[in-house]
Amino acid sequence: MAGYDNADGPAGLVIRLIDSAVKALDEMSDAAGEIAPDVGALTDTLVAAQRIADRASQDLQRLSQKLAAQ
């Protein structure tokens, strides 16, 4: 396993990783909203993916907050 130098310790590293995932999911959701009108028959699938990304982002944000509070 690789070692990591992190002033905030392991919890800080995990929080930053989670926050990076949240940012990526939010960007995906925003992009999906922008292109939805252009994908025709795939709109329903894209909207479903957007909802999943939104829920995952919210769940990860709660997890990050819980970890930060410990």
N, C-alpha and C. Protein backbone atom coordinates (compact mmCIF):
# COMPACT_ATOMS: atom_id res chain seq x y z
N MET A 1 0.85 -1.17 0.00
CA MET A 1 0.00 0.00 0.00
C MET A 1 0.89 1.23 0.00
N ALA A 2 0.51 2.21 -0.79
CA ALA A 2 1.30 3.44 -0.88
C ALA A 2 1.07 4.30 0.34
N GLY A 3 2.09 5.01 0.74
CA GLY A 3 1.95 5.95 1.84
C GLY A 3 1.62 7.34 1.32
N TYR A 4 0.93 8.11 2.12
CA TYR A 4 0.55 9.46 1.72
C TYR A 4 0.90 10.42 2.84
N ASP A 5 1.54 11.52 2.46
CA ASP A 5 1.79 12.58 3.42
C ASP A 5 0.61 13.53 3.36
N ASN A 6 -0.05 13.68 4.48
CA ASN A 6 -1.24 14.51 4.51
C ASN A 6 -1.32 15.17 5.87
N ALA A 7 -1.34 16.49 5.88
CA ALA A 7 -1.38 17.23 7.14
C ALA A 7 -2.65 16.93 7.94
N ASP A 8 -3.71 16.56 7.24
CA ASP A 8 -4.98 16.28 7.92
C ASP A 8 -5.14 14.81 8.28
N GLY A 9 -4.11 14.02 8.04
CA GLY A 9 -4.16 12.61 8.36
C GLY A 9 -5.03 11.83 7.39
N PRO A 10 -5.26 10.56 7.69
CA PRO A 10 -6.05 9.70 6.81
C PRO A 10 -7.47 10.22 6.58
N ALA A 11 -8.08 10.78 7.61
CA ALA A 11 -9.45 11.29 7.46
C ALA A 11 -9.49 12.42 6.44
N GLY A 12 -8.51 13.30 6.48
CA GLY A 12 -8.46 14.40 5.52
C GLY A 12 -8.31 13.90 4.10
N LEU A 13 -7.50 12.88 3.93
CA LEU A 13 -7.31 12.28 2.61
C LEU A 13 -8.62 11.68 2.09
N VAL A 14 -9.30 10.94 2.95
CA VAL A 14 -10.56 10.31 2.55
C VAL A 14 -11.61 11.39 2.23
N ILE A 15 -11.67 12.42 3.05
CA ILE A 15 -12.62 13.51 2.80
C ILE A 15 -12.35 14.17 1.45
N ARG A 16 -11.08 14.42 1.15
CA ARG A 16 -10.74 15.04 -0.14
C ARG A 16 -11.10 14.12 -1.31
N LEU A 17 -10.89 12.83 -1.16
CA LEU A 17 -11.27 11.89 -2.22
C LEU A 17 -12.78 11.88 -2.43
N ILE A 18 -13.52 11.87 -1.34
CA ILE A 18 -14.98 11.89 -1.44
C ILE A 18 -15.43 13.20 -2.09
N ASP A 19 -14.85 14.32 -1.66
CA ASP A 19 -15.23 15.61 -2.22
C ASP A 19 -14.91 15.68 -3.72
N SER A 20 -13.84 15.04 -4.14
CA SER A 20 -13.51 15.00 -5.57
C SER A 20 -14.56 14.20 -6.34
N ALA A 21 -15.02 13.12 -5.75
CA ALA A 21 -16.06 12.32 -6.39
C ALA A 21 -17.36 13.10 -6.48
N VAL A 22 -17.69 13.84 -5.43
CA VAL A 22 -18.90 14.67 -5.42
C VAL A 22 -18.82 15.70 -6.55
N LYS A 23 -17.68 16.34 -6.68
CA LYS A 23 -17.51 17.35 -7.73
C LYS A 23 -17.70 16.73 -9.12
N ALA A 24 -17.11 15.56 -9.33
CA ALA A 24 -17.24 14.90 -10.63
C ALA A 24 -18.69 14.50 -10.91
N LEU A 25 -19.39 14.01 -9.90
CA LEU A 25 -20.79 13.64 -10.08
C LEU A 25 -21.66 14.86 -10.37
N ASP A 26 -21.39 15.97 -9.70
CA ASP A 26 -22.13 17.19 -9.94
C ASP A 26 -21.89 17.70 -11.36
N GLU A 27 -20.66 17.62 -11.83
CA GLU A 27 -20.35 18.03 -13.20
C GLU A 27 -21.06 17.14 -14.22
N MET A 28 -21.09 15.84 -13.94
CA MET A 28 -21.78 14.90 -14.84
C MET A 28 -23.26 15.21 -14.89
N SER A 29 -23.84 15.49 -13.74
CA SER A 29 -25.27 15.80 -13.68
C SER A 29 -25.58 17.08 -14.45
N ASP A 30 -24.73 18.10 -14.28
CA ASP A 30 -24.94 19.36 -15.01
C ASP A 30 -24.83 19.14 -16.52
N ALA A 31 -23.83 18.38 -16.93
CA ALA A 31 -23.65 18.10 -18.36
C ALA A 31 -24.84 17.32 -18.91
N ALA A 32 -25.34 16.37 -18.14
CA ALA A 32 -26.50 15.58 -18.58
C ALA A 32 -27.71 16.48 -18.79
N GLY A 33 -27.90 17.43 -17.88
CA GLY A 33 -29.01 18.36 -18.02
C GLY A 33 -28.90 19.22 -19.26
N GLU A 34 -27.68 19.57 -19.62
CA GLU A 34 -27.47 20.42 -20.79
C GLU A 34 -27.71 19.66 -22.09
N ILE A 35 -27.31 18.40 -22.15
CA ILE A 35 -27.41 17.67 -23.41
C ILE A 35 -28.69 16.86 -23.55
N ALA A 36 -29.49 16.77 -22.51
CA ALA A 36 -30.70 15.95 -22.54
C ALA A 36 -31.59 16.23 -23.75
N PRO A 37 -31.81 17.49 -24.13
CA PRO A 37 -32.68 17.73 -25.28
C PRO A 37 -32.11 17.19 -26.60
N ASP A 38 -30.82 16.92 -26.65
CA ASP A 38 -30.18 16.53 -27.90
C ASP A 38 -29.98 15.03 -28.07
N VAL A 39 -30.40 14.22 -27.12
CA VAL A 39 -30.10 12.79 -27.22
C VAL A 39 -31.30 11.94 -27.64
N GLY A 40 -32.37 12.60 -27.96
CA GLY A 40 -33.54 11.89 -28.50
C GLY A 40 -34.06 10.79 -27.61
N ALA A 41 -34.08 9.58 -28.16
CA ALA A 41 -34.66 8.43 -27.46
C ALA A 41 -33.89 8.05 -26.19
N LEU A 42 -32.68 8.54 -26.05
CA LEU A 42 -31.88 8.21 -24.87
C LEU A 42 -32.13 9.17 -23.70
N THR A 43 -33.04 10.11 -23.88
CA THR A 43 -33.30 11.10 -22.83
C THR A 43 -33.68 10.44 -21.52
N ASP A 44 -34.57 9.46 -21.57
CA ASP A 44 -34.99 8.79 -20.33
C ASP A 44 -33.81 8.14 -19.61
N THR A 45 -32.94 7.51 -20.36
CA THR A 45 -31.76 6.88 -19.77
C THR A 45 -30.84 7.92 -19.17
N LEU A 46 -30.66 9.02 -19.88
CA LEU A 46 -29.79 10.08 -19.39
C LEU A 46 -30.36 10.72 -18.13
N VAL A 47 -31.65 10.93 -18.09
CA VAL A 47 -32.29 11.50 -16.90
C VAL A 47 -32.16 10.54 -15.72
N ALA A 48 -32.30 9.24 -15.97
CA ALA A 48 -32.11 8.25 -14.90
C ALA A 48 -30.69 8.30 -14.37
N ALA A 49 -29.72 8.41 -15.27
CA ALA A 49 -28.31 8.51 -14.84
C ALA A 49 -28.08 9.78 -14.04
N GLN A 50 -28.73 10.85 -14.46
CA GLN A 50 -28.60 12.13 -13.74
C GLN A 50 -29.15 12.00 -12.33
N ARG A 51 -30.27 11.34 -12.19
CA ARG A 51 -30.86 11.15 -10.85
C ARG A 51 -29.95 10.30 -9.95
N ILE A 52 -29.38 9.25 -10.54
CA ILE A 52 -28.46 8.41 -9.78
C ILE A 52 -27.25 9.22 -9.33
N ALA A 53 -26.70 10.02 -10.24
CA ALA A 53 -25.54 10.85 -9.90
C ALA A 53 -25.89 11.85 -8.80
N ASP A 54 -27.07 12.44 -8.88
CA ASP A 54 -27.49 13.39 -7.85
C ASP A 54 -27.62 12.73 -6.48
N ARG A 55 -28.25 11.54 -6.46
CA ARG A 55 -28.39 10.82 -5.18
C ARG A 55 -27.03 10.40 -4.62
N ALA A 56 -26.16 9.91 -5.49
CA ALA A 56 -24.83 9.49 -5.04
C ALA A 56 -24.06 10.69 -4.50
N SER A 57 -24.17 11.82 -5.16
CA SER A 57 -23.49 13.03 -4.70
C SER A 57 -23.98 13.42 -3.30
N GLN A 58 -25.28 13.39 -3.12
CA GLN A 58 -25.85 13.74 -1.81
C GLN A 58 -25.40 12.76 -0.74
N ASP A 59 -25.41 11.47 -1.05
CA ASP A 59 -24.97 10.46 -0.08
C ASP A 59 -23.50 10.65 0.28
N LEU A 60 -22.67 10.94 -0.71
CA LEU A 60 -21.25 11.15 -0.45
C LEU A 60 -21.01 12.42 0.36
N GLN A 61 -21.79 13.46 0.09
CA GLN A 61 -21.66 14.68 0.88
C GLN A 61 -21.98 14.42 2.35
N ARG A 62 -23.05 13.66 2.59
CA ARG A 62 -23.40 13.32 3.98
C ARG A 62 -22.29 12.49 4.63
N LEU A 63 -21.73 11.56 3.90
CA LEU A 63 -20.65 10.74 4.43
C LEU A 63 -19.43 11.59 4.76
N SER A 64 -19.09 12.52 3.89
CA SER A 64 -17.96 13.40 4.12
C SER A 64 -18.18 14.26 5.37
N GLN A 65 -19.39 14.79 5.52
CA GLN A 65 -19.72 15.60 6.70
C GLN A 65 -19.64 14.77 7.97
N LYS A 66 -20.13 13.54 7.91
CA LYS A 66 -20.08 12.64 9.07
C LYS A 66 -18.64 12.35 9.45
N LEU A 67 -17.80 12.10 8.46
CA LEU A 67 -16.39 11.82 8.71
C LEU A 67 -15.69 13.04 9.29
N ALA A 68 -16.01 14.22 8.77
CA ALA A 68 -15.41 15.45 9.26
C ALA A 68 -15.79 15.74 10.71
N ALA A 69 -16.98 15.31 11.11
CA ALA A 69 -17.47 15.56 12.48
C ALA A 69 -16.85 14.61 13.50
N GLN A 70 -16.19 13.56 13.05
CA GLN A 70 -15.62 12.58 13.99
C GLN A 70 -14.37 13.11 14.63
